[in-house]
Amino acid sequence: MASSVSLKDIHEEIRELRLLYKHLVDRLISLEEATKEEKGTIRERDEIVDERELLKTLGVHG
């Protein structure tokens, strides 16, 4: 039965470590609401360009 007590203790310690880690992350990373502009940028479709336009933008003439 000693091994089941040890496993129970390990499980409890892991749970406590997970809670401590979660609190640490919550303190380090502040959650902010996205601005209207950020939300719009996230929702809009990406523009796809062809190779010619990309090279032109990079200043490469071929």
PDB file of N, CA and C in Angstrom:
ATOM      1  N   MET A   1       0.807  -1.210   0.000  1.00  0.00           N
ATOM      2  CA  MET A   1       0.000   0.000   0.000  1.00  0.00           C
ATOM      3  C   MET A   1       0.845   1.267   0.000  1.00  0.00           C
ATOM      4  N   ALA A   2       2.101   1.156   0.344  1.00  0.00           N
ATOM      5  CA  ALA A   2       2.966   2.333   0.385  1.00  0.00           C
ATOM      6  C   ALA A   2       3.079   2.986  -0.988  1.00  0.00           C
ATOM      7  N   SER A   3       3.073   2.184  -2.041  1.00  0.00           N
ATOM      8  CA  SER A   3       3.210   2.759  -3.380  1.00  0.00           C
ATOM      9  C   SER A   3       1.987   3.577  -3.773  1.00  0.00           C
ATOM     10  N   SER A   4       0.783   3.172  -3.371  1.00  0.00           N
ATOM     11  CA  SER A   4      -0.405   3.951  -3.704  1.00  0.00           C
ATOM     12  C   SER A   4      -0.422   5.282  -2.964  1.00  0.00           C
ATOM     13  N   VAL A   5       0.111   5.321  -1.758  1.00  0.00           N
ATOM     14  CA  VAL A   5       0.214   6.583  -1.023  1.00  0.00           C
ATOM     15  C   VAL A   5       1.216   7.488  -1.730  1.00  0.00           C
ATOM     16  N   SER A   6       2.306   6.936  -2.187  1.00  0.00           N
ATOM     17  CA  SER A   6       3.314   7.712  -2.894  1.00  0.00           C
ATOM     18  C   SER A   6       2.746   8.286  -4.192  1.00  0.00           C
ATOM     19  N   LEU A   7       2.009   7.486  -4.930  1.00  0.00           N
ATOM     20  CA  LEU A   7       1.399   7.965  -6.159  1.00  0.00           C
ATOM     21  C   LEU A   7       0.382   9.069  -5.874  1.00  0.00           C
ATOM     22  N   LYS A   8      -0.353   8.912  -4.793  1.00  0.00           N
ATOM     23  CA  LYS A   8      -1.326   9.935  -4.405  1.00  0.00           C
ATOM     24  C   LYS A   8      -0.601  11.236  -4.071  1.00  0.00           C
ATOM     25  N   ASP A   9       0.503  11.141  -3.349  1.00  0.00           N
ATOM     26  CA  ASP A   9       1.288  12.335  -2.999  1.00  0.00           C
ATOM     27  C   ASP A   9       1.861  13.003  -4.250  1.00  0.00           C
ATOM     28  N   ILE A  10       2.371  12.200  -5.166  1.00  0.00           N
ATOM     29  CA  ILE A  10       2.929  12.736  -6.411  1.00  0.00           C
ATOM     30  C   ILE A  10       1.840  13.430  -7.212  1.00  0.00           C
ATOM     31  N   HIS A  11       0.681  12.810  -7.281  1.00  0.00           N
ATOM     32  CA  HIS A  11      -0.442  13.409  -8.018  1.00  0.00           C
ATOM     33  C   HIS A  11      -0.816  14.761  -7.405  1.00  0.00           C
ATOM     34  N   GLU A  12      -0.872  14.844  -6.108  1.00  0.00           N
ATOM     35  CA  GLU A  12      -1.207  16.100  -5.428  1.00  0.00           C
ATOM     36  C   GLU A  12      -0.138  17.163  -5.678  1.00  0.00           C
ATOM     37  N   GLU A  13       1.116  16.778  -5.638  1.00  0.00           N
ATOM     38  CA  GLU A  13       2.194  17.732  -5.894  1.00  0.00           C
ATOM     39  C   GLU A  13       2.151  18.239  -7.341  1.00  0.00           C
ATOM     40  N   ILE A  14       1.862  17.367  -8.267  1.00  0.00           N
ATOM     41  CA  ILE A  14       1.739  17.781  -9.666  1.00  0.00           C
ATOM     42  C   ILE A  14       0.588  18.761  -9.823  1.00  0.00           C
ATOM     43  N   ARG A  15      -0.521  18.493  -9.166  1.00  0.00           N
ATOM     44  CA  ARG A  15      -1.671  19.397  -9.222  1.00  0.00           C
ATOM     45  C   ARG A  15      -1.297  20.770  -8.678  1.00  0.00           C
ATOM     46  N   GLU A  16      -0.589  20.794  -7.562  1.00  0.00           N
ATOM     47  CA  GLU A  16      -0.158  22.064  -6.972  1.00  0.00           C
ATOM     48  C   GLU A  16       0.811  22.809  -7.894  1.00  0.00           C
ATOM     49  N   LEU A  17       1.734  22.082  -8.521  1.00  0.00           N
ATOM     50  CA  LEU A  17       2.667  22.709  -9.456  1.00  0.00           C
ATOM     51  C   LEU A  17       1.936  23.304 -10.651  1.00  0.00           C
ATOM     52  N   ARG A  18       0.936  22.588 -11.147  1.00  0.00           N
ATOM     53  CA  ARG A  18       0.148  23.112 -12.274  1.00  0.00           C
ATOM     54  C   ARG A  18      -0.565  24.400 -11.886  1.00  0.00           C
ATOM     55  N   LEU A  19      -1.122  24.448 -10.683  1.00  0.00           N
ATOM     56  CA  LEU A  19      -1.793  25.664 -10.217  1.00  0.00           C
ATOM     57  C   LEU A  19      -0.805  26.814 -10.065  1.00  0.00           C
ATOM     58  N   LEU A  20       0.363  26.531  -9.504  1.00  0.00           N
ATOM     59  CA  LEU A  20       1.383  27.569  -9.351  1.00  0.00           C
ATOM     60  C   LEU A  20       1.834  28.089 -10.710  1.00  0.00           C
ATOM     61  N   TYR A  21       2.035  27.181 -11.664  1.00  0.00           N
ATOM     62  CA  TYR A  21       2.443  27.567 -13.010  1.00  0.00           C
ATOM     63  C   TYR A  21       1.373  28.431 -13.670  1.00  0.00           C
ATOM     64  N   LYS A  22       0.115  28.049 -13.504  1.00  0.00           N
ATOM     65  CA  LYS A  22      -0.990  28.810 -14.085  1.00  0.00           C
ATOM     66  C   LYS A  22      -1.019  30.221 -13.510  1.00  0.00           C
ATOM     67  N   HIS A  23      -0.862  30.344 -12.210  1.00  0.00           N
ATOM     68  CA  HIS A  23      -0.856  31.675 -11.588  1.00  0.00           C
ATOM     69  C   HIS A  23       0.333  32.503 -12.067  1.00  0.00           C
ATOM     70  N   LEU A  24       1.473  31.879 -12.222  1.00  0.00           N
ATOM     71  CA  LEU A  24       2.656  32.583 -12.713  1.00  0.00           C
ATOM     72  C   LEU A  24       2.427  33.098 -14.128  1.00  0.00           C
ATOM     73  N   VAL A  25       1.909  32.249 -14.976  1.00  0.00           N
ATOM     74  CA  VAL A  25       1.641  32.645 -16.358  1.00  0.00           C
ATOM     75  C   VAL A  25       0.611  33.764 -16.391  1.00  0.00           C
ATOM     76  N   ASP A  26      -0.422  33.660 -15.577  1.00  0.00           N
ATOM     77  CA  ASP A  26      -1.448  34.705 -15.533  1.00  0.00           C
ATOM     78  C   ASP A  26      -0.864  36.053 -15.123  1.00  0.00           C
ATOM     79  N   ARG A  27       0.117  36.047 -14.242  1.00  0.00           N
ATOM     80  CA  ARG A  27       0.738  37.297 -13.809  1.00  0.00           C
ATOM     81  C   ARG A  27       1.665  37.857 -14.873  1.00  0.00           C
ATOM     82  N   LEU A  28       2.359  36.984 -15.590  1.00  0.00           N
ATOM     83  CA  LEU A  28       3.327  37.420 -16.586  1.00  0.00           C
ATOM     84  C   LEU A  28       2.672  37.884 -17.872  1.00  0.00           C
ATOM     85  N   ILE A  29       1.596  37.238 -18.240  1.00  0.00           N
ATOM     86  CA  ILE A  29       0.931  37.549 -19.505  1.00  0.00           C
ATOM     87  C   ILE A  29      -0.416  38.172 -19.193  1.00  0.00           C
ATOM     88  N   SER A  30      -0.490  39.472 -19.406  1.00  0.00           N
ATOM     89  CA  SER A  30      -1.768  40.127 -19.165  1.00  0.00           C
ATOM     90  C   SER A  30      -2.665  39.918 -20.378  1.00  0.00           C
ATOM     91  N   LEU A  31      -3.875  39.559 -20.115  1.00  0.00           N
ATOM     92  CA  LEU A  31      -4.820  39.340 -21.194  1.00  0.00           C
ATOM     93  C   LEU A  31      -5.546  40.646 -21.466  1.00  0.00           C
ATOM     94  N   GLU A  32      -5.423  41.107 -22.694  1.00  0.00           N
ATOM     95  CA  GLU A  32      -6.062  42.347 -23.084  1.00  0.00           C
ATOM     96  C   GLU A  32      -7.045  42.065 -24.200  1.00  0.00           C
ATOM     97  N   GLU A  33      -8.112  42.813 -24.204  1.00  0.00           N
ATOM     98  CA  GLU A  33      -9.093  42.715 -25.272  1.00  0.00           C
ATOM     99  C   GLU A  33      -8.486  43.297 -26.541  1.00  0.00           C
ATOM    100  N   ALA A  34      -8.695  42.610 -27.646  1.00  0.00           N
ATOM    101  CA  ALA A  34      -8.184  43.099 -28.923  1.00  0.00           C
ATOM    102  C   ALA A  34      -8.915  44.385 -29.306  1.00  0.00           C
ATOM    103  N   THR A  35      -8.178  45.314 -29.926  1.00  0.00           N
ATOM    104  CA  THR A  35      -8.789  46.559 -30.383  1.00  0.00           C
ATOM    105  C   THR A  35      -9.646  46.261 -31.616  1.00  0.00           C
ATOM    106  N   LYS A  36     -10.461  47.233 -32.014  1.00  0.00           N
ATOM    107  CA  LYS A  36     -11.295  47.071 -33.203  1.00  0.00           C
ATOM    108  C   LYS A  36     -10.425  46.782 -34.427  1.00  0.00           C
ATOM    109  N   GLU A  37      -9.319  47.521 -34.527  1.00  0.00           N
ATOM    110  CA  GLU A  37      -8.412  47.344 -35.668  1.00  0.00           C
ATOM    111  C   GLU A  37      -7.812  45.936 -35.676  1.00  0.00           C
ATOM    112  N   GLU A  38      -7.390  45.463 -34.501  1.00  0.00           N
ATOM    113  CA  GLU A  38      -6.808  44.122 -34.416  1.00  0.00           C
ATOM    114  C   GLU A  38      -7.837  43.054 -34.776  1.00  0.00           C
ATOM    115  N   LYS A  39      -9.064  43.221 -34.295  1.00  0.00           N
ATOM    116  CA  LYS A  39     -10.117  42.257 -34.620  1.00  0.00           C
ATOM    117  C   LYS A  39     -10.379  42.240 -36.121  1.00  0.00           C
ATOM    118  N   GLY A  40     -10.394  43.426 -36.738  1.00  0.00           N
ATOM    119  CA  GLY A  40     -10.603  43.503 -38.183  1.00  0.00           C
ATOM    120  C   GLY A  40      -9.487  42.829 -38.949  1.00  0.00           C
ATOM    121  N   THR A  41      -8.271  43.049 -38.512  1.00  0.00           N
ATOM    122  CA  THR A  41      -7.114  42.443 -39.170  1.00  0.00           C
ATOM    123  C   THR A  41      -7.164  40.918 -39.049  1.00  0.00           C
ATOM    124  N   ILE A  42      -7.582  40.437 -37.918  1.00  0.00           N
ATOM    125  CA  ILE A  42      -7.665  38.990 -37.706  1.00  0.00           C
ATOM    126  C   ILE A  42      -8.719  38.378 -38.618  1.00  0.00           C
ATOM    127  N   ARG A  43      -9.826  39.079 -38.806  1.00  0.00           N
ATOM    128  CA  ARG A  43     -10.943  38.543 -39.579  1.00  0.00           C
ATOM    129  C   ARG A  43     -10.775  38.661 -41.090  1.00  0.00           C
ATOM    130  N   GLU A  44     -10.034  39.664 -41.552  1.00  0.00           N
ATOM    131  CA  GLU A  44      -9.975  39.892 -42.998  1.00  0.00           C
ATOM    132  C   GLU A  44      -9.138  38.832 -43.695  1.00  0.00           C
ATOM    133  N   ARG A  45      -9.485  38.600 -44.941  1.00  0.00           N
ATOM    134  CA  ARG A  45      -8.765  37.597 -45.733  1.00  0.00           C
ATOM    135  C   ARG A  45      -7.391  38.134 -46.117  1.00  0.00           C
ATOM    136  N   ASP A  46      -6.424  37.237 -46.142  1.00  0.00           N
ATOM    137  CA  ASP A  46      -5.082  37.619 -46.562  1.00  0.00           C
ATOM    138  C   ASP A  46      -5.059  37.833 -48.068  1.00  0.00           C
ATOM    139  N   GLU A  47      -4.277  38.826 -48.472  1.00  0.00           N
ATOM    140  CA  GLU A  47      -4.108  39.082 -49.902  1.00  0.00           C
ATOM    141  C   GLU A  47      -2.972  38.195 -50.397  1.00  0.00           C
ATOM    142  N   ILE A  48      -3.213  37.522 -51.510  1.00  0.00           N
ATOM    143  CA  ILE A  48      -2.196  36.652 -52.092  1.00  0.00           C
ATOM    144  C   ILE A  48      -1.636  37.342 -53.326  1.00  0.00           C
ATOM    145  N   VAL A  49      -0.314  37.464 -53.368  1.00  0.00           N
ATOM    146  CA  VAL A  49       0.323  38.127 -54.502  1.00  0.00           C
ATOM    147  C   VAL A  49       1.100  37.095 -55.308  1.00  0.00           C
ATOM    148  N   ASP A  50       1.337  37.443 -56.573  1.00  0.00           N
ATOM    149  CA  ASP A  50       2.111  36.525 -57.397  1.00  0.00           C
ATOM    150  C   ASP A  50       3.597  36.877 -57.299  1.00  0.00           C
ATOM    151  N   GLU A  51       4.419  36.036 -57.886  1.00  0.00           N
ATOM    152  CA  GLU A  51       5.872  36.195 -57.806  1.00  0.00           C
ATOM    153  C   GLU A  51       6.334  37.529 -58.384  1.00  0.00           C
ATOM    154  N   ARG A  52       5.757  37.945 -59.495  1.00  0.00           N
ATOM    155  CA  ARG A  52       6.152  39.205 -60.152  1.00  0.00           C
ATOM    156  C   ARG A  52       5.918  40.397 -59.209  1.00  0.00           C
ATOM    157  N   GLU A  53       4.755  40.424 -58.562  1.00  0.00           N
ATOM    158  CA  GLU A  53       4.449  41.528 -57.655  1.00  0.00           C
ATOM    159  C   GLU A  53       5.366  41.513 -56.428  1.00  0.00           C
ATOM    160  N   LEU A  54       5.671  40.325 -55.947  1.00  0.00           N
ATOM    161  CA  LEU A  54       6.575  40.197 -54.805  1.00  0.00           C
ATOM    162  C   LEU A  54       7.964  40.719 -55.151  1.00  0.00           C
ATOM    163  N   LEU A  55       8.497  40.304 -56.289  1.00  0.00           N
ATOM    164  CA  LEU A  55       9.828  40.763 -56.708  1.00  0.00           C
ATOM    165  C   LEU A  55       9.843  42.273 -56.925  1.00  0.00           C
ATOM    166  N   LYS A  56       8.758  42.822 -57.501  1.00  0.00           N
ATOM    167  CA  LYS A  56       8.659  44.261 -57.700  1.00  0.00           C
ATOM    168  C   LYS A  56       8.689  44.993 -56.362  1.00  0.00           C
ATOM    169  N   THR A  57       7.952  44.465 -55.388  1.00  0.00           N
ATOM    170  CA  THR A  57       7.922  45.082 -54.062  1.00  0.00           C
ATOM    171  C   THR A  57       9.288  45.031 -53.404  1.00  0.00           C
ATOM    172  N   LEU A  58      10.025  43.947 -53.618  1.00  0.00           N
ATOM    173  CA  LEU A  58      11.357  43.801 -53.039  1.00  0.00           C
ATOM    174  C   LEU A  58      12.422  44.566 -53.806  1.00  0.00           C
ATOM    175  N   GLY A  59      12.025  45.137 -54.923  1.00  0.00           N
ATOM    176  CA  GLY A  59      12.976  45.924 -55.713  1.00  0.00           C
ATOM    177  C   GLY A  59      13.858  45.089 -56.612  1.00  0.00           C
ATOM    178  N   VAL A  60      13.451  43.858 -56.876  1.00  0.00           N
ATOM    179  CA  VAL A  60      14.224  42.979 -57.747  1.00  0.00           C
ATOM    180  C   VAL A  60      13.584  43.011 -59.129  1.00  0.00           C
ATOM    181  N   HIS A  61      14.382  43.354 -60.125  1.00  0.00           N
ATOM    182  CA  HIS A  61      13.871  43.424 -61.485  1.00  0.00           C
ATOM    183  C   HIS A  61      14.437  42.256 -62.278  1.00  0.00           C
ATOM    184  N   GLY A  62      13.567  41.514 -62.923  1.00  0.00           N
ATOM    185  CA  GLY A  62      14.071  40.340 -63.611  1.00  0.00           C
ATOM    186  C   GLY A  62      13.586  40.152 -64.964  1.00  0.00           C
TER     187      GLY A  62
END
